[in-house]
């Protein structure tokens, strides 16, 4: 998929995506006020919806398997560290909305992101695009939404134009791998 690369490149990228997935699920669990064991928090088990990606939640099957006791100890450490750090964030405070974009940019270096074809639309460009058009009553489609920067800004713009929040939300469509 990403062209010629070493096995180490793919293993490293998969490990970083797995860690990011754990952080995202733990963050969502915490933001929604759920509490439980670090393994449950990091695997999305406590959420009322299924948002976990099975191929990135592979570690949960390994964790419950009796033959991987040594890996279970590592996973206990990792999940405890993730939950500890996620609990440091004040999820009720206003501020940066695109936490996951920032997380991804911290975990995956720019060369790797370019190599795998991941590019982000700068916030200033999204704001400029929306400053020139009226979005109220229109459906917005982002076929490569990534972390949703374009859609989040579209939502805020629709609200500022007087659109009902439920209507604004239901008119946003985003796709990504």
N, C-alpha and C. Protein backbone atom coordinates (compact mmCIF):
# COMPACT_ATOMS: atom_id res chain seq x y z
N UNK A 1 0.83 -1.21 0.00
CA UNK A 1 0.00 0.00 0.00
C UNK A 1 0.87 1.26 0.00
N UNK A 2 1.94 1.27 0.78
CA UNK A 2 2.77 2.47 0.91
C UNK A 2 4.04 2.39 0.08
N UNK A 3 4.12 1.48 -0.87
CA UNK A 3 5.32 1.35 -1.68
C UNK A 3 6.35 0.49 -0.99
N UNK A 4 7.54 0.58 -1.49
CA UNK A 4 8.63 -0.21 -0.92
C UNK A 4 9.00 0.31 0.46
N UNK A 5 8.95 -0.55 1.44
CA UNK A 5 9.35 -0.20 2.79
C UNK A 5 9.80 -1.45 3.51
N UNK A 6 10.58 -1.27 4.53
CA UNK A 6 11.08 -2.40 5.31
C UNK A 6 9.99 -2.94 6.23
N UNK A 7 10.19 -4.16 6.66
CA UNK A 7 9.27 -4.77 7.63
C UNK A 7 9.26 -3.94 8.92
N UNK A 8 10.42 -3.41 9.29
CA UNK A 8 10.53 -2.58 10.49
C UNK A 8 9.66 -1.32 10.37
N UNK A 9 9.63 -0.71 9.18
CA UNK A 9 8.80 0.46 8.95
C UNK A 9 7.33 0.13 9.23
N UNK A 10 6.85 -0.99 8.67
CA UNK A 10 5.45 -1.37 8.86
C UNK A 10 5.14 -1.73 10.31
N UNK A 11 6.05 -2.44 10.95
CA UNK A 11 5.83 -2.82 12.35
C UNK A 11 5.77 -1.58 13.24
N UNK A 12 6.69 -0.64 13.00
CA UNK A 12 6.73 0.59 13.77
C UNK A 12 5.45 1.41 13.56
N UNK A 13 5.02 1.54 12.32
CA UNK A 13 3.80 2.28 12.01
C UNK A 13 2.58 1.61 12.64
N UNK A 14 2.50 0.28 12.57
CA UNK A 14 1.38 -0.44 13.17
C UNK A 14 1.36 -0.26 14.69
N UNK A 15 2.53 -0.30 15.32
CA UNK A 15 2.61 -0.10 16.77
C UNK A 15 2.15 1.30 17.14
N UNK A 16 2.56 2.30 16.37
CA UNK A 16 2.15 3.68 16.66
C UNK A 16 0.65 3.87 16.44
N UNK A 17 0.10 3.25 15.40
CA UNK A 17 -1.34 3.34 15.19
C UNK A 17 -2.11 2.63 16.31
N UNK A 18 -1.58 1.51 16.79
CA UNK A 18 -2.21 0.80 17.90
C UNK A 18 -2.22 1.68 19.15
N UNK A 19 -1.08 2.29 19.45
CA UNK A 19 -0.99 3.17 20.62
C UNK A 19 -1.94 4.35 20.48
N UNK A 20 -1.96 4.96 19.31
CA UNK A 20 -2.86 6.09 19.09
C UNK A 20 -4.32 5.66 19.27
N UNK A 21 -4.67 4.48 18.79
CA UNK A 21 -6.04 3.97 18.94
C UNK A 21 -6.39 3.80 20.41
N UNK A 22 -5.44 3.28 21.19
CA UNK A 22 -5.66 3.12 22.63
C UNK A 22 -5.89 4.49 23.28
N UNK A 23 -5.09 5.48 22.89
CA UNK A 23 -5.22 6.82 23.46
C UNK A 23 -6.55 7.45 23.07
N UNK A 24 -6.96 7.28 21.82
CA UNK A 24 -8.23 7.84 21.37
C UNK A 24 -9.39 7.21 22.14
N UNK A 25 -9.39 5.89 22.27
CA UNK A 25 -10.48 5.23 23.00
C UNK A 25 -10.49 5.63 24.47
N UNK A 26 -9.30 5.73 25.07
CA UNK A 26 -9.23 6.16 26.47
C UNK A 26 -9.71 7.60 26.61
N UNK A 27 -9.34 8.45 25.67
CA UNK A 27 -9.76 9.85 25.72
C UNK A 27 -11.27 9.97 25.59
N UNK A 28 -11.85 9.24 24.65
CA UNK A 28 -13.30 9.27 24.46
C UNK A 28 -14.01 8.73 25.70
N UNK A 29 -13.49 7.64 26.26
CA UNK A 29 -14.07 7.06 27.47
C UNK A 29 -14.04 8.06 28.61
N UNK A 30 -12.92 8.72 28.78
CA UNK A 30 -12.77 9.71 29.85
C UNK A 30 -13.65 10.93 29.61
N UNK A 31 -13.67 11.42 28.37
CA UNK A 31 -14.48 12.60 28.04
C UNK A 31 -15.96 12.35 28.28
N UNK A 32 -16.39 11.10 28.13
CA UNK A 32 -17.79 10.74 28.36
C UNK A 32 -18.07 10.37 29.82
N UNK A 33 -17.05 10.51 30.67
CA UNK A 33 -17.24 10.30 32.10
C UNK A 33 -17.31 8.85 32.53
N UNK A 34 -16.79 7.95 31.73
CA UNK A 34 -16.79 6.53 32.08
C UNK A 34 -15.52 6.20 32.85
N UNK A 35 -15.59 5.21 33.71
CA UNK A 35 -14.43 4.79 34.48
C UNK A 35 -14.40 3.27 34.55
N UNK A 36 -13.21 2.72 34.63
CA UNK A 36 -13.04 1.28 34.72
C UNK A 36 -11.58 0.93 34.72
N UNK A 37 -11.28 -0.33 34.50
CA UNK A 37 -9.89 -0.77 34.47
C UNK A 37 -9.18 -0.14 33.28
N UNK A 38 -7.88 0.05 33.37
CA UNK A 38 -7.14 0.62 32.24
C UNK A 38 -7.31 -0.17 30.94
N UNK A 39 -7.40 -1.47 31.03
CA UNK A 39 -7.59 -2.29 29.83
C UNK A 39 -8.95 -2.00 29.20
N UNK A 40 -9.99 -1.91 30.02
CA UNK A 40 -11.33 -1.60 29.50
C UNK A 40 -11.40 -0.18 28.94
N UNK A 41 -10.73 0.76 29.60
CA UNK A 41 -10.73 2.15 29.14
C UNK A 41 -10.02 2.25 27.79
N UNK A 42 -8.88 1.60 27.65
CA UNK A 42 -8.07 1.69 26.42
C UNK A 42 -8.62 0.85 25.27
N UNK A 43 -9.51 -0.07 25.55
CA UNK A 43 -10.05 -0.92 24.48
C UNK A 43 -11.44 -0.47 24.02
N UNK A 44 -12.02 0.52 24.70
CA UNK A 44 -13.33 1.03 24.32
C UNK A 44 -14.48 0.19 24.83
N UNK A 45 -14.20 -0.78 25.69
CA UNK A 45 -15.22 -1.68 26.21
C UNK A 45 -16.33 -0.94 26.96
N UNK A 46 -16.00 0.17 27.60
CA UNK A 46 -16.96 0.88 28.44
C UNK A 46 -17.87 1.84 27.66
N UNK A 47 -17.60 2.00 26.38
CA UNK A 47 -18.39 2.93 25.56
C UNK A 47 -19.71 2.28 25.15
N UNK A 48 -20.74 3.09 25.02
CA UNK A 48 -22.06 2.59 24.64
C UNK A 48 -22.18 2.41 23.13
N UNK A 49 -21.09 2.60 22.42
CA UNK A 49 -21.07 2.45 20.97
C UNK A 49 -19.82 1.69 20.58
N UNK A 50 -19.84 1.06 19.43
CA UNK A 50 -18.68 0.32 18.98
C UNK A 50 -17.84 1.19 18.06
N UNK A 51 -16.80 1.78 18.61
CA UNK A 51 -15.92 2.65 17.82
C UNK A 51 -14.52 2.07 17.70
N UNK A 52 -14.27 0.96 18.37
CA UNK A 52 -12.94 0.34 18.32
C UNK A 52 -12.73 -0.32 16.96
N UNK A 53 -11.54 -0.15 16.42
CA UNK A 53 -11.18 -0.80 15.16
C UNK A 53 -10.56 -2.16 15.49
N UNK A 54 -11.18 -3.25 15.05
CA UNK A 54 -10.70 -4.58 15.45
C UNK A 54 -9.22 -4.82 15.15
N UNK A 55 -8.72 -4.38 14.01
CA UNK A 55 -7.33 -4.65 13.69
C UNK A 55 -6.36 -3.85 14.56
N UNK A 56 -6.84 -2.77 15.20
CA UNK A 56 -5.99 -2.03 16.13
C UNK A 56 -6.30 -2.39 17.58
N UNK A 57 -7.31 -3.19 17.79
CA UNK A 57 -7.64 -3.67 19.13
C UNK A 57 -7.18 -5.12 19.30
N UNK A 58 -6.24 -5.55 18.47
CA UNK A 58 -5.70 -6.90 18.48
C UNK A 58 -5.15 -7.27 19.86
N UNK A 59 -4.61 -6.30 20.54
CA UNK A 59 -3.95 -6.53 21.82
C UNK A 59 -4.90 -7.05 22.89
N UNK A 60 -6.19 -6.73 22.76
CA UNK A 60 -7.17 -7.18 23.76
C UNK A 60 -7.29 -8.71 23.74
N UNK A 61 -7.27 -9.31 22.54
CA UNK A 61 -7.32 -10.77 22.43
C UNK A 61 -6.05 -11.40 23.00
N UNK A 62 -4.93 -10.75 22.76
CA UNK A 62 -3.66 -11.24 23.32
C UNK A 62 -3.69 -11.12 24.84
N UNK A 63 -4.25 -10.03 25.33
CA UNK A 63 -4.29 -9.76 26.76
C UNK A 63 -5.06 -10.85 27.52
N UNK A 64 -6.17 -11.29 26.97
CA UNK A 64 -6.99 -12.28 27.70
C UNK A 64 -6.53 -13.72 27.46
N UNK A 65 -5.58 -13.91 26.56
CA UNK A 65 -5.08 -15.26 26.28
C UNK A 65 -4.08 -15.68 27.35
N UNK A 66 -4.28 -16.84 27.99
CA UNK A 66 -3.40 -17.27 29.08
C UNK A 66 -1.95 -17.55 28.63
N UNK A 67 -1.73 -17.76 27.36
CA UNK A 67 -0.38 -18.11 26.90
C UNK A 67 0.55 -16.90 26.74
N UNK A 68 0.05 -15.69 26.92
CA UNK A 68 0.85 -14.49 26.71
C UNK A 68 1.03 -13.68 28.00
N UNK A 69 1.38 -14.33 29.08
CA UNK A 69 1.53 -13.65 30.37
C UNK A 69 2.58 -12.54 30.30
N UNK A 70 3.69 -12.75 29.60
CA UNK A 70 4.74 -11.74 29.52
C UNK A 70 4.25 -10.50 28.77
N UNK A 71 3.45 -10.69 27.74
CA UNK A 71 2.90 -9.57 26.98
C UNK A 71 1.83 -8.86 27.81
N UNK A 72 1.09 -9.61 28.61
CA UNK A 72 0.05 -9.02 29.47
C UNK A 72 0.68 -8.00 30.43
N UNK A 73 1.84 -8.30 30.96
CA UNK A 73 2.51 -7.36 31.87
C UNK A 73 2.88 -6.07 31.15
N UNK A 74 3.36 -6.17 29.93
CA UNK A 74 3.68 -4.98 29.14
C UNK A 74 2.41 -4.19 28.85
N UNK A 75 1.34 -4.88 28.48
CA UNK A 75 0.08 -4.21 28.18
C UNK A 75 -0.51 -3.54 29.43
N UNK A 76 -0.35 -4.17 30.59
CA UNK A 76 -0.79 -3.54 31.83
C UNK A 76 -0.07 -2.21 32.03
N UNK A 77 1.24 -2.22 31.81
CA UNK A 77 2.03 -0.99 31.96
C UNK A 77 1.56 0.08 30.95
N UNK A 78 1.42 -0.31 29.69
CA UNK A 78 1.04 0.65 28.65
C UNK A 78 -0.34 1.23 28.92
N UNK A 79 -1.33 0.38 29.23
CA UNK A 79 -2.69 0.89 29.46
C UNK A 79 -2.75 1.78 30.70
N UNK A 80 -2.01 1.43 31.74
CA UNK A 80 -1.98 2.28 32.93
C UNK A 80 -1.37 3.64 32.61
N UNK A 81 -0.31 3.66 31.83
CA UNK A 81 0.34 4.93 31.45
C UNK A 81 -0.60 5.77 30.57
N UNK A 82 -1.28 5.14 29.63
CA UNK A 82 -2.21 5.87 28.77
C UNK A 82 -3.32 6.50 29.61
N UNK A 83 -3.93 5.73 30.48
CA UNK A 83 -5.02 6.24 31.32
C UNK A 83 -4.51 7.35 32.24
N UNK A 84 -3.34 7.19 32.80
CA UNK A 84 -2.77 8.22 33.67
C UNK A 84 -2.65 9.54 32.91
N UNK A 85 -2.14 9.49 31.70
CA UNK A 85 -1.95 10.71 30.92
C UNK A 85 -3.27 11.29 30.40
N UNK A 86 -4.19 10.42 30.01
CA UNK A 86 -5.50 10.89 29.54
C UNK A 86 -6.25 11.59 30.67
N UNK A 87 -6.08 11.10 31.87
CA UNK A 87 -6.76 11.71 33.02
C UNK A 87 -6.21 13.09 33.37
N UNK A 88 -5.05 13.45 32.82
CA UNK A 88 -4.49 14.78 33.07
C UNK A 88 -5.15 15.87 32.23
N UNK A 89 -5.88 15.47 31.19
CA UNK A 89 -6.52 16.42 30.30
C UNK A 89 -7.87 16.83 30.88
N UNK A 90 -8.14 18.14 30.88
CA UNK A 90 -9.43 18.64 31.32
C UNK A 90 -10.37 18.65 30.12
N UNK A 91 -11.17 17.60 29.99
CA UNK A 91 -12.01 17.42 28.80
C UNK A 91 -13.19 18.38 28.78
N UNK A 92 -13.47 19.05 29.88
CA UNK A 92 -14.58 20.00 29.91
C UNK A 92 -14.13 21.41 29.53
N UNK A 93 -12.84 21.62 29.44
CA UNK A 93 -12.31 22.95 29.17
C UNK A 93 -12.32 23.25 27.68
N UNK A 94 -12.67 24.49 27.34
CA UNK A 94 -12.60 24.92 25.94
C UNK A 94 -11.13 25.01 25.55
N UNK A 95 -10.88 24.84 24.29
CA UNK A 95 -9.51 24.95 23.82
C UNK A 95 -9.37 24.25 22.49
N UNK A 96 -8.26 23.61 22.30
CA UNK A 96 -7.98 22.95 21.03
C UNK A 96 -8.98 21.82 20.82
N UNK A 97 -9.67 21.84 19.69
CA UNK A 97 -10.67 20.82 19.42
C UNK A 97 -10.07 19.59 18.75
N UNK A 98 -9.03 19.78 17.98
CA UNK A 98 -8.47 18.68 17.20
C UNK A 98 -7.31 18.01 17.94
N UNK A 99 -7.61 17.49 19.12
CA UNK A 99 -6.60 16.84 19.95
C UNK A 99 -6.00 15.65 19.22
N UNK A 100 -6.81 14.90 18.49
CA UNK A 100 -6.33 13.68 17.86
C UNK A 100 -5.42 13.98 16.67
N UNK A 101 -5.65 15.06 16.00
CA UNK A 101 -4.74 15.47 14.93
C UNK A 101 -3.37 15.78 15.54
N UNK A 102 -3.39 16.53 16.64
CA UNK A 102 -2.13 16.86 17.31
C UNK A 102 -1.42 15.60 17.79
N UNK A 103 -2.18 14.66 18.33
CA UNK A 103 -1.62 13.40 18.79
C UNK A 103 -0.96 12.65 17.64
N UNK A 104 -1.67 12.57 16.53
CA UNK A 104 -1.14 11.85 15.37
C UNK A 104 0.13 12.51 14.86
N UNK A 105 0.13 13.83 14.82
CA UNK A 105 1.32 14.53 14.35
C UNK A 105 2.50 14.35 15.31
N UNK A 106 2.23 14.14 16.59
CA UNK A 106 3.30 13.85 17.54
C UNK A 106 3.84 12.43 17.38
N UNK A 107 2.94 11.48 17.14
CA UNK A 107 3.36 10.08 17.05
C UNK A 107 3.96 9.70 15.70
N UNK A 108 3.44 10.25 14.63
CA UNK A 108 3.89 9.87 13.29
C UNK A 108 4.66 11.04 12.68
N UNK A 109 5.94 10.82 12.42
CA UNK A 109 6.79 11.91 11.93
C UNK A 109 6.37 12.35 10.53
N UNK A 110 6.71 13.59 10.15
CA UNK A 110 6.27 14.14 8.86
C UNK A 110 6.68 13.30 7.64
N UNK A 111 7.89 12.74 7.65
CA UNK A 111 8.32 11.92 6.51
C UNK A 111 7.44 10.69 6.35
N UNK A 112 7.10 10.06 7.45
CA UNK A 112 6.22 8.88 7.38
C UNK A 112 4.83 9.28 6.93
N UNK A 113 4.31 10.40 7.43
CA UNK A 113 2.98 10.85 7.02
C UNK A 113 2.94 11.12 5.51
N UNK A 114 3.98 11.75 4.98
CA UNK A 114 4.03 11.99 3.53
C UNK A 114 4.13 10.67 2.76
N UNK A 115 4.93 9.77 3.29
CA UNK A 115 5.13 8.48 2.62
C UNK A 115 3.84 7.69 2.50
N UNK A 116 2.98 7.80 3.53
CA UNK A 116 1.71 7.05 3.49
C UNK A 116 0.55 7.90 2.98
N UNK A 117 0.88 9.09 2.49
CA UNK A 117 -0.12 9.91 1.81
C UNK A 117 -1.06 10.67 2.72
N UNK A 118 -0.63 10.99 3.93
CA UNK A 118 -1.49 11.72 4.86
C UNK A 118 -1.08 13.18 4.91
N UNK A 119 -1.99 14.03 4.48
CA UNK A 119 -1.76 15.47 4.48
C UNK A 119 -2.93 16.13 5.19
N UNK A 120 -2.64 17.19 5.90
CA UNK A 120 -3.68 17.89 6.65
C UNK A 120 -3.92 19.26 6.05
N UNK A 121 -5.18 19.60 5.94
CA UNK A 121 -5.53 20.95 5.49
C UNK A 121 -5.30 21.89 6.66
N UNK A 122 -4.46 22.90 6.48
CA UNK A 122 -4.22 23.84 7.59
C UNK A 122 -5.51 24.55 7.99
N UNK A 123 -5.67 24.79 9.28
CA UNK A 123 -6.87 25.44 9.79
C UNK A 123 -7.10 26.80 9.13
N UNK A 124 -6.05 27.56 8.90
CA UNK A 124 -6.20 28.87 8.28
C UNK A 124 -6.82 28.76 6.89
N UNK A 125 -6.49 27.68 6.16
CA UNK A 125 -7.04 27.49 4.82
C UNK A 125 -8.52 27.12 4.89
N UNK A 126 -8.88 26.27 5.83
CA UNK A 126 -10.28 25.89 6.02
C UNK A 126 -11.10 27.13 6.37
N UNK A 127 -10.58 27.94 7.28
CA UNK A 127 -11.29 29.17 7.67
C UNK A 127 -11.45 30.12 6.48
N UNK A 128 -10.41 30.23 5.66
CA UNK A 128 -10.47 31.08 4.48
C UNK A 128 -11.53 30.59 3.49
N UNK A 129 -11.55 29.29 3.23
CA UNK A 129 -12.54 28.71 2.31
C UNK A 129 -13.96 29.01 2.79
N UNK A 130 -14.21 28.80 4.06
CA UNK A 130 -15.55 29.01 4.59
C UNK A 130 -15.91 30.48 4.72
N UNK A 131 -14.93 31.36 4.75
CA UNK A 131 -15.24 32.79 4.83
C UNK A 131 -15.85 33.30 3.53
N UNK A 132 -15.67 32.54 2.47
CA UNK A 132 -16.12 32.98 1.15
C UNK A 132 -17.47 32.39 0.72
N UNK A 133 -18.02 31.47 1.51
CA UNK A 133 -19.28 30.82 1.11
C UNK A 133 -20.26 30.72 2.27
N UNK A 134 -21.54 30.62 1.93
CA UNK A 134 -22.61 30.43 2.90
C UNK A 134 -22.90 28.93 2.97
N UNK A 135 -22.86 28.36 4.17
CA UNK A 135 -23.06 26.91 4.33
C UNK A 135 -24.45 26.54 4.84
N UNK A 136 -25.20 27.51 5.33
CA UNK A 136 -26.50 27.21 5.94
C UNK A 136 -27.39 26.45 4.96
N UNK A 137 -27.91 25.30 5.43
CA UNK A 137 -28.82 24.50 4.62
C UNK A 137 -28.14 23.62 3.58
N UNK A 138 -26.83 23.60 3.55
CA UNK A 138 -26.11 22.81 2.55
C UNK A 138 -25.50 21.57 3.19
N UNK A 139 -25.40 20.50 2.41
CA UNK A 139 -24.71 19.28 2.84
C UNK A 139 -23.23 19.46 2.54
N UNK A 140 -22.40 19.12 3.51
CA UNK A 140 -20.95 19.24 3.36
C UNK A 140 -20.37 17.83 3.35
N UNK A 141 -19.63 17.51 2.30
CA UNK A 141 -18.99 16.21 2.17
C UNK A 141 -17.48 16.39 2.17
N UNK A 142 -16.80 15.67 3.04
CA UNK A 142 -15.34 15.64 3.04
C UNK A 142 -14.95 14.19 2.81
N UNK A 143 -14.53 13.85 1.57
CA UNK A 143 -14.23 12.45 1.25
C UNK A 143 -12.92 11.94 1.85
N UNK A 144 -12.11 12.82 2.41
CA UNK A 144 -10.85 12.44 3.03
C UNK A 144 -10.72 13.18 4.36
N UNK A 145 -11.65 12.91 5.28
CA UNK A 145 -11.83 13.78 6.44
C UNK A 145 -10.77 13.66 7.52
N UNK A 146 -9.99 12.61 7.53
CA UNK A 146 -8.95 12.49 8.57
C UNK A 146 -9.55 12.68 9.94
N UNK A 147 -9.03 13.66 10.67
CA UNK A 147 -9.53 13.90 12.03
C UNK A 147 -10.72 14.84 12.06
N UNK A 148 -11.16 15.32 10.89
CA UNK A 148 -12.39 16.08 10.81
C UNK A 148 -12.29 17.58 10.92
N UNK A 149 -11.12 18.15 10.74
CA UNK A 149 -10.95 19.59 10.86
C UNK A 149 -11.93 20.35 9.97
N UNK A 150 -12.04 19.95 8.72
CA UNK A 150 -12.92 20.60 7.76
C UNK A 150 -14.37 20.53 8.22
N UNK A 151 -14.79 19.35 8.69
CA UNK A 151 -16.18 19.16 9.12
C UNK A 151 -16.49 19.93 10.41
N UNK A 152 -15.55 19.96 11.33
CA UNK A 152 -15.77 20.70 12.59
C UNK A 152 -15.93 22.19 12.30
N UNK A 153 -15.08 22.71 11.43
CA UNK A 153 -15.20 24.13 11.07
C UNK A 153 -16.50 24.40 10.32
N UNK A 154 -16.90 23.46 9.46
CA UNK A 154 -18.17 23.62 8.74
C UNK A 154 -19.34 23.67 9.73
N UNK A 155 -19.29 22.82 10.74
CA UNK A 155 -20.34 22.81 11.77
C UNK A 155 -20.43 24.17 12.46
N UNK A 156 -19.29 24.69 12.90
CA UNK A 156 -19.28 25.98 13.58
C UNK A 156 -19.77 27.11 12.67
N UNK A 157 -19.39 27.05 11.42
CA UNK A 157 -19.83 28.07 10.46
C UNK A 157 -21.35 28.01 10.27
N UNK A 158 -21.90 26.80 10.14
CA UNK A 158 -23.35 26.63 9.97
C UNK A 158 -24.09 27.19 11.19
N UNK A 159 -23.59 26.93 12.38
CA UNK A 159 -24.21 27.42 13.60
C UNK A 159 -24.15 28.96 13.63
N UNK A 160 -23.00 29.51 13.26
CA UNK A 160 -22.86 30.97 13.27
C UNK A 160 -23.78 31.63 12.24
N UNK A 161 -24.19 30.87 11.23
CA UNK A 161 -25.12 31.39 10.22
C UNK A 161 -26.57 31.19 10.63
N UNK A 162 -26.80 30.63 11.83
CA UNK A 162 -28.15 30.49 12.35
C UNK A 162 -28.79 29.12 12.15
N UNK A 163 -28.03 28.15 11.68
CA UNK A 163 -28.60 26.82 11.48
C UNK A 163 -28.73 26.09 12.82
N UNK A 164 -29.80 25.33 12.96
CA UNK A 164 -30.03 24.51 14.14
C UNK A 164 -28.89 23.49 14.29
N UNK A 165 -28.33 23.31 15.50
CA UNK A 165 -27.21 22.38 15.67
C UNK A 165 -27.49 20.96 15.18
N UNK A 166 -28.69 20.43 15.45
CA UNK A 166 -29.00 19.08 14.99
C UNK A 166 -29.02 19.00 13.47
N UNK A 167 -29.59 20.00 12.84
CA UNK A 167 -29.64 20.06 11.39
C UNK A 167 -28.24 20.22 10.81
N UNK A 168 -27.45 21.09 11.43
CA UNK A 168 -26.07 21.31 10.97
C UNK A 168 -25.27 20.02 11.06
N UNK A 169 -25.41 19.32 12.17
CA UNK A 169 -24.66 18.08 12.38
C UNK A 169 -25.07 17.01 11.37
N UNK A 170 -26.36 16.88 11.15
CA UNK A 170 -26.84 15.80 10.26
C UNK A 170 -26.53 16.09 8.79
N UNK A 171 -26.06 17.29 8.47
CA UNK A 171 -25.74 17.61 7.07
C UNK A 171 -24.23 17.52 6.80
N UNK A 172 -23.49 16.94 7.73
CA UNK A 172 -22.05 16.77 7.55
C UNK A 172 -21.74 15.30 7.28
N UNK A 173 -20.98 15.04 6.23
CA UNK A 173 -20.64 13.68 5.85
C UNK A 173 -19.13 13.60 5.64
N UNK A 174 -18.50 12.64 6.28
CA UNK A 174 -17.05 12.47 6.13
C UNK A 174 -16.68 11.02 5.97
N UNK A 175 -15.70 10.77 5.12
CA UNK A 175 -15.18 9.43 4.89
C UNK A 175 -13.67 9.45 5.02
N UNK A 176 -13.11 8.35 5.46
CA UNK A 176 -11.66 8.18 5.46
C UNK A 176 -11.38 6.70 5.72
N UNK A 177 -10.18 6.30 5.39
CA UNK A 177 -9.83 4.89 5.63
C UNK A 177 -9.63 4.65 7.10
